[in-house]
Protein backbone atom coordinates (compact mmCIF):
# COMPACT_ATOMS: atom_id res chain seq x y z
CA MET A 1 -14.23 -1.01 9.38
CA PHE A 2 -13.56 2.10 7.30
CA THR A 3 -9.92 2.99 6.66
CA PRO A 4 -8.00 5.45 4.48
CA ILE A 5 -7.57 2.53 2.08
CA HIS A 6 -11.33 2.25 1.64
CA ARG A 7 -11.47 6.01 1.13
CA ALA A 8 -8.72 5.97 -1.50
CA LEU A 9 -10.35 3.07 -3.34
CA GLY A 10 -13.78 4.68 -3.17
CA ILE A 11 -15.39 1.66 -1.52
CA GLU A 12 -17.62 1.23 1.53
CA ALA A 13 -16.45 0.04 4.91
CA GLY A 14 -15.70 -3.65 5.03
CA GLU A 15 -13.41 -6.38 6.31
CA LEU A 16 -9.68 -5.91 6.67
CA ASN A 17 -8.44 -8.83 4.57
CA SER A 18 -5.90 -9.84 1.96
CA GLU A 19 -8.22 -8.80 -0.88
CA LEU A 20 -8.24 -5.23 0.42
CA ILE A 21 -4.42 -5.17 0.65
CA GLN A 22 -4.03 -6.61 -2.86
CA LYS A 23 -6.44 -4.06 -4.29
CA ALA A 24 -4.50 -1.25 -2.60
CA ILE A 25 -1.33 -2.51 -4.29
CA ASP A 26 -3.02 -2.96 -7.67
CA GLU A 27 -4.40 0.59 -7.48
CA ARG A 28 -1.12 1.98 -6.11
CA VAL A 29 -2.77 3.66 -3.12
CA GLU A 30 -0.53 6.48 -1.93
CA GLU A 31 0.40 7.35 1.62
CA ALA A 32 -1.46 10.20 3.27
CA SER A 33 -1.45 12.02 6.57
CA ASP A 34 -3.49 9.14 8.03
CA LEU A 35 -1.90 6.23 6.13
CA ASP A 36 1.69 5.01 6.39
CA TRP A 37 3.05 1.96 4.52
CA LYS A 38 5.97 0.14 6.13
CA ARG A 39 7.81 -2.74 4.53
CA ASP A 40 9.19 -4.06 7.83
CA PHE A 41 8.39 -3.91 11.51
CA TYR A 42 10.79 -2.09 13.82
CA ASN A 43 13.88 -4.22 14.43
CA PRO A 44 14.72 -4.33 18.15
CA LYS A 45 18.30 -5.23 17.25
CA HIS A 46 18.78 -1.78 15.76
CA SER A 47 19.72 1.01 18.15
CA GLY A 48 16.97 3.62 18.47
CA TRP A 49 14.20 1.45 17.06
CA ASP A 50 11.95 2.39 19.96
CA GLU A 51 12.53 6.11 19.40
CA GLU A 52 11.60 5.68 15.74
CA ALA A 53 8.46 3.78 16.70
CA ALA A 54 7.52 6.44 19.29
CA LYS A 55 7.98 9.17 16.67
CA ASP A 56 5.68 7.40 14.19
CA LEU A 57 3.00 6.73 16.79
CA ALA A 58 3.04 10.26 18.23
CA ALA A 59 3.01 11.81 14.75
CA MET A 60 -0.10 9.87 13.74
CA ALA A 61 -1.87 10.63 17.03
CA ASN A 62 -1.01 14.33 16.70
CA THR A 63 -2.58 14.48 13.24
CA GLY A 64 -6.02 13.17 14.07
CA GLY A 65 -5.14 9.47 14.11
CA GLY A 66 -4.65 7.04 11.27
CA TRP A 67 -3.24 3.71 10.14
CA ILE A 68 0.28 2.28 9.99
CA VAL A 69 0.43 -0.85 7.81
CA PHE A 70 3.38 -3.20 8.34
CA GLY A 71 4.28 -5.63 5.58
CA VAL A 72 3.58 -3.44 2.53
CA ALA A 73 6.44 -1.74 0.69
CA GLU A 74 6.11 1.64 -1.00
CA ASP A 75 7.63 2.60 -4.36
CA GLY A 76 9.79 5.47 -3.06
CA VAL A 77 8.56 7.83 -5.78
CA LYS A 78 4.92 8.58 -5.01
CA ASN A 79 4.95 6.78 -1.69
CA SER A 80 2.39 4.34 -3.06
CA ALA A 81 1.89 0.69 -2.11
CA CYS A 82 3.77 -1.50 -4.56
CA GLN A 83 4.53 -4.90 -3.00
CA VAL A 84 3.63 -7.18 -0.12
CA SER A 85 6.45 -8.10 2.22
CA PRO A 86 4.86 -10.32 4.90
CA ILE A 87 6.22 -9.99 8.43
CA THR A 88 6.36 -12.33 11.40
CA TRP A 89 3.85 -11.39 14.08
CA SER A 90 3.23 -12.52 17.64
CA ALA A 91 1.71 -11.37 20.90
CA ASP A 92 5.21 -10.57 22.21
CA ILE A 93 5.92 -8.25 19.28
CA GLN A 94 2.60 -6.51 19.83
CA GLN A 95 3.34 -6.03 23.53
CA ARG A 96 6.73 -4.58 22.63
CA LEU A 97 5.08 -1.80 20.64
CA LEU A 98 2.45 -1.22 23.33
CA ARG A 99 5.25 -0.69 25.84
CA VAL A 100 6.80 1.90 23.55
CA ALA A 101 3.44 3.69 23.25
CA TYR A 102 3.27 3.84 27.04
CA ALA A 103 6.89 4.45 28.04
CA LYS A 104 8.35 6.41 25.12
CA VAL A 105 5.38 8.64 24.32
CA GLY A 106 4.13 11.34 26.64
CA PRO A 107 1.36 11.50 27.59
CA PRO A 108 1.15 7.71 27.11
CA LEU A 109 -0.71 6.75 23.96
CA VAL A 110 -3.54 4.30 24.61
CA GLY A 111 -6.22 2.73 22.46
CA LEU A 112 -3.98 1.23 19.77
CA GLU A 113 -5.73 -1.44 17.70
CA PHE A 114 -3.91 -4.25 15.87
CA HIS A 115 -5.54 -6.07 12.96
CA GLU A 116 -3.55 -9.03 11.66
CA VAL A 117 -4.21 -10.10 8.07
CA PRO A 118 -2.76 -13.55 7.25
CA TRP A 119 -0.89 -13.65 3.94
CA ASN A 120 0.15 -16.61 1.83
CA GLY A 121 1.12 -15.74 -1.73
CA VAL A 122 3.94 -15.45 -4.23
CA ASP A 123 5.52 -12.78 -2.04
CA GLY A 124 5.82 -15.28 0.80
CA SER A 125 3.76 -16.16 3.83
CA GLY A 126 3.31 -14.34 7.09
CA SER A 127 1.15 -11.42 8.10
CA ILE A 128 0.18 -7.92 7.15
CA VAL A 129 -0.47 -5.98 10.36
CA MET A 130 -2.70 -2.93 10.23
CA LEU A 131 -2.23 -0.70 13.27
CA ARG A 132 -4.90 1.88 14.02
CA VAL A 133 -3.68 4.87 16.01
CA PRO A 134 -6.62 6.74 17.56
CA ASP A 135 -7.38 10.43 17.37
CA SER A 136 -6.10 11.03 20.86
CA PRO A 137 -7.80 13.45 23.26
CA ASP A 138 -4.40 13.86 24.95
CA ALA A 139 -2.64 15.35 21.91
CA PRO A 140 -0.12 16.85 21.51
CA HIS A 141 1.98 13.79 22.29
CA PHE A 142 5.76 13.98 22.65
CA ALA A 143 8.18 11.26 21.58
CA ARG A 144 11.31 10.62 23.59
CA LYS A 145 14.50 11.35 21.66
CA GLY A 146 17.86 10.62 23.24
CA ASP A 147 18.53 11.29 26.89
CA GLY A 148 15.68 13.36 28.32
CA ALA A 149 14.83 15.16 25.09
CA PHE A 150 11.36 15.15 23.57
CA VAL A 151 9.99 16.15 20.17
CA ALA A 152 6.41 16.69 19.01
CA PRO A 153 6.07 15.08 15.56
CA ARG A 154 3.09 15.28 13.22
CA ARG A 155 2.19 14.03 9.77
CA ASN A 156 2.49 16.36 6.78
CA GLY A 157 0.96 14.32 3.97
CA PRO A 158 3.14 11.20 3.62
CA HIS A 159 5.98 12.71 5.65
CA THR A 160 6.70 13.27 9.33
CA VAL A 161 7.74 16.73 10.50
CA PHE A 162 8.11 18.36 13.89
CA MET A 163 5.62 20.77 15.39
CA SER A 164 6.61 24.39 15.91
CA ASP A 165 6.18 26.20 19.22
CA ARG A 166 2.96 27.79 17.98
CA GLU A 167 1.60 24.46 16.80
CA ILE A 168 2.33 22.91 20.19
CA GLU A 169 0.65 25.85 21.92
CA ARG A 170 -2.40 25.47 19.69
CA GLY A 171 -2.40 21.74 20.38
CA PHE A 172 -2.63 22.30 24.12
CA ARG A 173 -5.47 24.79 23.68
CA GLU A 174 -7.34 22.26 21.57
CA ARG A 175 -6.71 19.54 24.16
CA PHE A 176 -8.25 21.60 26.95
CA GLN A 177 -11.14 22.68 24.73
CA TYR A 178 -11.76 19.05 23.75
CA ALA A 179 -11.80 18.00 27.40
CA ASP A 180 -14.35 20.73 28.18
CA ASP A 181 -16.52 19.70 25.24
CA GLN A 182 -16.37 16.03 26.27
CA GLU A 183 -17.36 16.89 29.82
CA ARG A 184 -20.35 18.91 28.65
CA LEU A 185 -21.44 16.15 26.29
CA LEU A 186 -21.12 13.47 28.97
CA GLN A 187 -23.07 15.54 31.49
CA ASN A 188 -25.76 16.25 28.91
CA ARG A 189 -26.14 12.55 28.14
CA PHE A 190 -26.11 11.66 31.84
CA GLU A 191 -28.88 14.16 32.57
CA GLN A 192 -30.80 12.70 29.63
CA ALA A 193 -30.55 9.25 31.20
CA CYS A 194 -31.62 10.65 34.58
CA GLY A 195 -34.84 12.01 33.10
CA THR A 196 -36.19 8.79 31.62
CA LEU A 197 -37.74 7.08 34.70
CA ARG A 198 -39.98 8.18 37.57
CA PRO A 199 -38.23 7.87 40.96
CA GLU A 200 -41.56 7.64 42.81
CA ASN A 201 -41.96 4.22 41.16
CA GLY A 202 -38.64 3.12 42.60
CA LEU A 203 -35.09 4.39 43.00
CA PHE A 204 -33.14 4.02 39.76
CA LEU A 205 -29.56 3.92 38.56
CA SER A 206 -28.68 6.05 35.52
CA LEU A 207 -25.56 5.54 33.41
CA ALA A 208 -24.12 7.26 30.35
CA ALA A 209 -21.17 6.07 28.26
CA VAL A 210 -19.86 8.42 25.58
CA PRO A 211 -17.13 7.27 23.15
CA TYR A 212 -14.00 9.35 22.78
CA GLU A 213 -14.24 8.69 19.04
CA PRO A 214 -17.88 8.75 17.89
CA VAL A 215 -18.80 6.52 14.97
CA LEU A 216 -19.67 8.57 11.90
CA SER A 217 -19.39 6.27 8.89
CA ARG A 218 -21.18 3.05 9.78
CA LYS A 219 -24.73 2.16 8.85
CA PRO A 220 -27.30 2.09 11.70
CA VAL A 221 -27.55 -1.10 13.73
CA ALA A 222 -30.07 -3.60 12.37
CA MET A 223 -33.08 -4.36 14.57
CA GLU A 224 -32.28 -8.08 14.70
CA VAL A 225 -28.86 -7.25 16.19
CA VAL A 226 -30.38 -4.99 18.84
CA SER A 227 -32.97 -7.64 19.67
CA CYS A 228 -30.13 -10.00 20.55
CA TYR A 229 -28.89 -7.46 23.10
CA ALA A 230 -32.25 -7.44 24.87
CA ASP A 231 -31.93 -10.84 26.53
CA GLN A 232 -28.20 -11.48 26.54
CA GLU A 233 -26.62 -12.78 29.71
CA GLY A 234 -24.15 -10.66 31.62
CA ILE A 235 -20.41 -11.18 31.12
CA SER A 236 -19.80 -14.24 33.26
CA GLU A 237 -16.38 -13.15 34.54
CA LEU A 238 -17.96 -10.08 36.15
CA PHE A 239 -19.98 -12.27 38.54
CA SER A 240 -18.52 -13.66 41.74
CA ARG A 241 -21.61 -15.84 42.18
CA ASP A 242 -24.85 -16.73 40.44
CA TYR A 243 -27.18 -13.77 40.25
CA SER A 244 -30.03 -12.94 37.93
CA VAL A 245 -30.08 -9.74 35.86
CA GLY A 246 -33.48 -10.63 34.46
CA TYR A 247 -35.22 -7.62 36.01
CA TRP A 248 -34.26 -5.49 33.01
CA SER A 249 -34.82 -7.81 30.03
CA SER A 250 -37.61 -9.31 27.89
CA GLY A 251 -38.98 -5.91 26.98
CA GLU A 252 -39.66 -3.93 23.81
CA VAL A 253 -37.31 -2.73 21.08
CA LYS A 254 -38.24 0.67 19.62
CA LYS A 255 -36.60 2.88 16.97
CA GLY A 256 -35.69 6.39 18.05
CA LEU A 257 -33.82 9.30 16.48
CA ARG A 258 -30.48 7.80 15.42
CA GLN A 259 -30.80 5.29 18.21
CA TRP A 260 -32.55 2.13 19.36
CA VAL A 261 -34.40 2.02 22.66
CA LEU A 262 -34.79 -1.12 24.77
CA ARG A 263 -37.48 -0.65 27.41
CA ASN A 264 -39.81 -2.53 29.73
CA ARG A 265 -43.28 -3.55 28.61
CA PRO A 266 -46.10 -1.25 29.82
CA GLU A 267 -47.60 -3.93 32.06
CA SER A 268 -44.33 -4.49 33.97
CA HIS A 269 -43.91 -2.85 37.39
CA ILE A 270 -40.11 -2.82 36.91
CA SER A 271 -38.95 -0.05 34.59
CA TYR A 272 -35.80 0.35 32.52
CA ARG A 273 -34.55 2.05 29.37
CA LYS A 274 -31.39 1.39 27.39
CA ASN A 275 -30.56 3.80 24.55
CA LEU A 276 -28.12 2.61 21.88
CA PHE A 277 -27.04 5.48 19.64
CA ASP A 278 -25.66 5.09 16.13
CA ASP A 279 -22.51 7.01 17.16
CA GLY A 280 -21.70 4.40 19.84
CA THR A 281 -23.13 6.24 22.86
CA VAL A 282 -25.05 4.07 25.34
CA LEU A 283 -27.43 5.28 28.05
CA GLY A 284 -29.07 3.14 30.72
CA SER A 285 -31.71 3.72 33.40
CA TYR A 286 -32.44 0.79 35.72
CA GLN A 287 -35.10 0.68 38.40
CA VAL A 288 -33.30 -0.77 41.41
CA GLY A 289 -35.84 0.09 44.12
CA LEU A 290 -39.27 -1.47 44.79
CA LEU A 291 -38.31 -4.53 42.74
CA HIS A 292 -40.37 -6.59 45.21
CA ARG A 293 -43.62 -5.29 46.67
CA GLU A 294 -45.01 -8.26 48.56
CA ASP A 295 -44.60 -8.50 52.35
CA MET A 296 -43.38 -12.07 51.95
CA HIS A 297 -40.04 -10.62 50.71
CA SER A 298 -39.61 -8.11 53.55
CA GLU A 299 -37.16 -10.30 55.44
CA TYR A 300 -34.70 -10.05 52.57
CA TYR A 301 -35.78 -6.90 50.73
CA PRO A 302 -36.74 -3.30 51.69
CA VAL A 303 -40.37 -3.68 50.63
CA GLY A 304 -42.28 -0.39 50.39
CA GLU A 305 -39.20 1.82 50.80
CA VAL A 306 -39.21 3.98 47.69
CA ASN A 307 -35.68 5.37 48.07
CA HIS A 308 -34.05 2.11 49.14
CA CYS A 309 -32.24 -0.53 47.07
CA LYS A 310 -29.96 -3.51 47.62
CA ASN A 311 -26.29 -3.25 46.74
CA ALA A 312 -26.50 -6.57 44.87
CA ASP A 313 -29.11 -5.14 42.49
CA LEU A 314 -26.95 -2.08 41.89
CA GLU A 315 -24.01 -4.31 40.99
CA ALA A 316 -26.17 -6.45 38.71
CA ALA A 317 -27.37 -3.32 36.87
CA VAL A 318 -23.75 -2.24 36.36
CA ILE A 319 -22.92 -5.65 34.88
CA ASP A 320 -25.91 -5.48 32.56
CA PHE A 321 -24.87 -2.04 31.34
CA VAL A 322 -21.22 -2.99 30.78
CA THR A 323 -22.36 -6.11 28.91
CA ILE A 324 -24.58 -4.21 26.49
CA LEU A 325 -21.93 -1.48 26.13
CA ARG A 326 -19.39 -4.13 25.16
CA SER A 327 -21.74 -5.65 22.58
CA HIS A 328 -22.64 -2.26 21.10
CA ALA A 329 -19.00 -1.11 20.98
CA GLN A 330 -18.12 -4.33 19.15
CA GLU A 331 -20.86 -3.82 16.57
CA ARG A 332 -20.08 -0.10 16.16
CA GLN A 333 -16.32 -0.86 16.11
CA VAL A 334 -15.54 1.70 18.80
CA GLY A 335 -12.01 0.95 19.92
CA GLY A 336 -10.97 4.24 21.49
CA GLY A 337 -12.70 3.82 24.85
CA PHE A 338 -15.54 5.58 26.66
CA ARG A 339 -16.09 8.08 29.42
CA LEU A 340 -18.64 6.58 31.82
CA ARG A 341 -20.80 8.30 34.46
CA ALA A 342 -23.37 6.81 36.83
CA GLY A 343 -25.59 7.99 39.66
CA LEU A 344 -28.66 7.12 41.71
CA VAL A 345 -31.88 9.10 41.26
CA GLY A 346 -34.52 9.02 44.00
CA VAL A 347 -37.45 10.97 45.36
CA ALA A 348 -36.37 14.48 46.37
CA ASN A 349 -36.04 15.51 50.02
CA GLU A 350 -35.66 11.92 51.20
CA PRO A 351 -32.30 10.22 51.78
CA ILE A 352 -31.22 7.36 49.53
CA ARG A 353 -30.38 4.12 51.32
CA ILE A 354 -28.29 1.26 49.94
CA ARG A 355 -29.16 -1.88 51.87
CA THR A 356 -27.27 -5.14 52.18
CA LEU A 357 -27.84 -8.59 53.64
CA ASN A 358 -26.32 -9.52 56.97
CA THR A 359 -23.33 -11.82 56.47
CA TRP A 360 -24.34 -14.14 59.32
CA SER A 361 -28.12 -14.26 59.18
CA GLY A 362 -28.58 -13.75 55.44
CA ARG A 363 -31.41 -11.30 56.22
CA LEU A 364 -31.72 -7.62 55.44
CA ASP A 365 -29.45 -5.52 57.64
CA GLU A 366 -30.86 -2.82 59.87
CA VAL A 367 -31.26 0.46 58.02
CA GLU A 368 -29.10 2.22 60.63
CA ARG A 369 -26.06 0.15 59.64
CA GLY A 370 -25.79 2.07 56.38
CA GLU A 371 -25.23 5.73 55.65
CA PRO A 372 -28.08 7.97 54.42
CA ILE A 373 -27.23 9.72 51.17
CA SER A 374 -28.72 13.21 51.05
CA ARG A 375 -27.17 13.92 47.67
CA PHE A 376 -25.65 11.15 45.58
CA GLN A 377 -22.29 12.04 44.02
CA PRO A 378 -22.13 10.71 40.41
CA ILE A 379 -19.15 8.46 39.68
CA THR A 380 -17.08 8.93 36.52
CA THR A 381 -14.37 6.77 35.01
CA ASP A 382 -12.75 5.75 31.72
CA LEU A 383 -13.61 2.36 30.31
CA ALA A 384 -12.43 0.40 27.27
CA PRO A 385 -15.25 -2.18 26.95
CA LEU A 386 -13.47 -4.18 24.23
CA ALA A 387 -10.44 -4.86 26.43
CA GLU A 388 -9.79 -8.34 27.73
CA VAL A 389 -12.19 -9.12 30.57
CA ASN A 390 -9.33 -9.52 33.05
CA GLU A 391 -8.39 -5.90 32.25
CA LEU A 392 -12.01 -4.77 32.42
CA LEU A 393 -12.80 -6.35 35.78
CA PRO A 394 -10.67 -4.10 38.04
CA ILE A 395 -12.25 -0.96 36.54
CA VAL A 396 -15.81 -2.32 36.84
CA SER A 397 -15.12 -3.52 40.38
CA SER A 398 -13.71 -0.15 41.44
CA PHE A 399 -16.60 1.68 39.77
CA ALA A 400 -19.22 -0.43 41.57
CA GLN A 401 -17.42 -0.04 44.90
CA ASP A 402 -17.51 3.74 44.58
CA LEU A 403 -21.26 3.52 43.98
CA ILE A 404 -22.09 1.39 47.02
CA ASN A 405 -19.52 2.95 49.38
CA GLN A 406 -21.53 6.17 49.39
CA GLY A 407 -24.26 4.27 51.22
CA GLY A 408 -21.87 2.86 53.82
CA VAL A 409 -21.71 -0.59 52.18
CA GLN A 410 -18.13 -1.81 52.26
CA ARG A 411 -18.11 -5.03 50.29
CA LEU A 412 -19.29 -6.02 46.85
CA THR A 413 -21.71 -8.93 46.70
CA VAL A 414 -22.07 -9.80 43.01
CA ILE A 415 -18.95 -8.36 41.34
CA PRO A 416 -15.57 -9.79 42.39
CA GLU A 417 -13.52 -7.41 44.48
CA VAL A 418 -10.16 -6.40 43.05
CA ASN A 419 -8.31 -4.31 45.58
CA ASP A 420 -4.91 -4.03 43.94
CA GLU A 421 -4.09 -0.94 41.89
CA ARG A 422 -7.59 0.46 41.86
CA PRO A 423 -8.01 2.94 39.00
CA VAL A 424 -8.88 6.49 39.94
CA THR A 425 -12.52 7.51 39.54
CA SER A 426 -14.02 10.88 40.16
């Protein structure tokens, strides 16, 4: 992890630990537009604590993101770190601040990261909590102040000031421009993924995940780390039953331009490519058609049908992609979330068919029971792969449902269905 503290100390990215905090105090690291020292956490017993917290969060988000460090006092002269003052920390306290970020900041501020550093020294015992506020694509953010009033704060060096009308206007222009740029980048990456396999060898699913905050300062991923991705099992909580995702593993690991490529071996009749970029971007192309070519499988599989696939294989490919995205985001330390797009690519001028097994007989359903897809509509959603799996599951479930529903398949087979509060996809 690289923070403003590392920058001020002139050291490389590293762990967030007590040694780093002590060094910042010894070197009297000063506050900056992206670094704010706070002796204490917001006291809920004090009136207006939530408005103060909302102001600090919105100000940091409106200035390109940064870090708020609780449990370190500043000297009051140069706004430099001078003493540790450990605080008490718990999951309830963290949730309290997350609620403020959602309810007292507009648009709601998401993607906050909390890093607790245990402390036990002459200053006392407790925790130093380092809060990372992301560079938000939704800036400018407004903080609630009083009854119905809002202000747009920003950081000016170590201080917080309020944005002028012109600054707010410029902020909105930049927000819309950023959204346009992100859309173009995502579409470019998605088209790149769509061009990696040959649909005449079997229908394939292409996916692209682009981080809202690309990684710029970390060293490239080591080959031994990427090799571990190649054969990892899918996230178990994303399966409603046992199902193999082994179609797209046990291949080759190749170095590309600022990326690693995982791909099938040349002798395999099942193709796939997974591109892991140094900036955190992940692309995936999974052959999901013609996985079986022998007539002995025809009772349970659309053998010989080049533009056909089974919904279960589509779901398994989604799980595989989310699993490797989660691993890569963890290694790259991408905490701000991703924009994800997926679509099926088949032979032109022939409809795509998503097939399923009959609930009663267990055999392949008649082709007429589904809906022919003359043009597959790509599905797009937001995904935070490092979230708790119980938070991840509804998004993945909804995403997979939108994929298979286009082919007239109503129910998921491999991924658990979560029908409550389905997130909006487009």
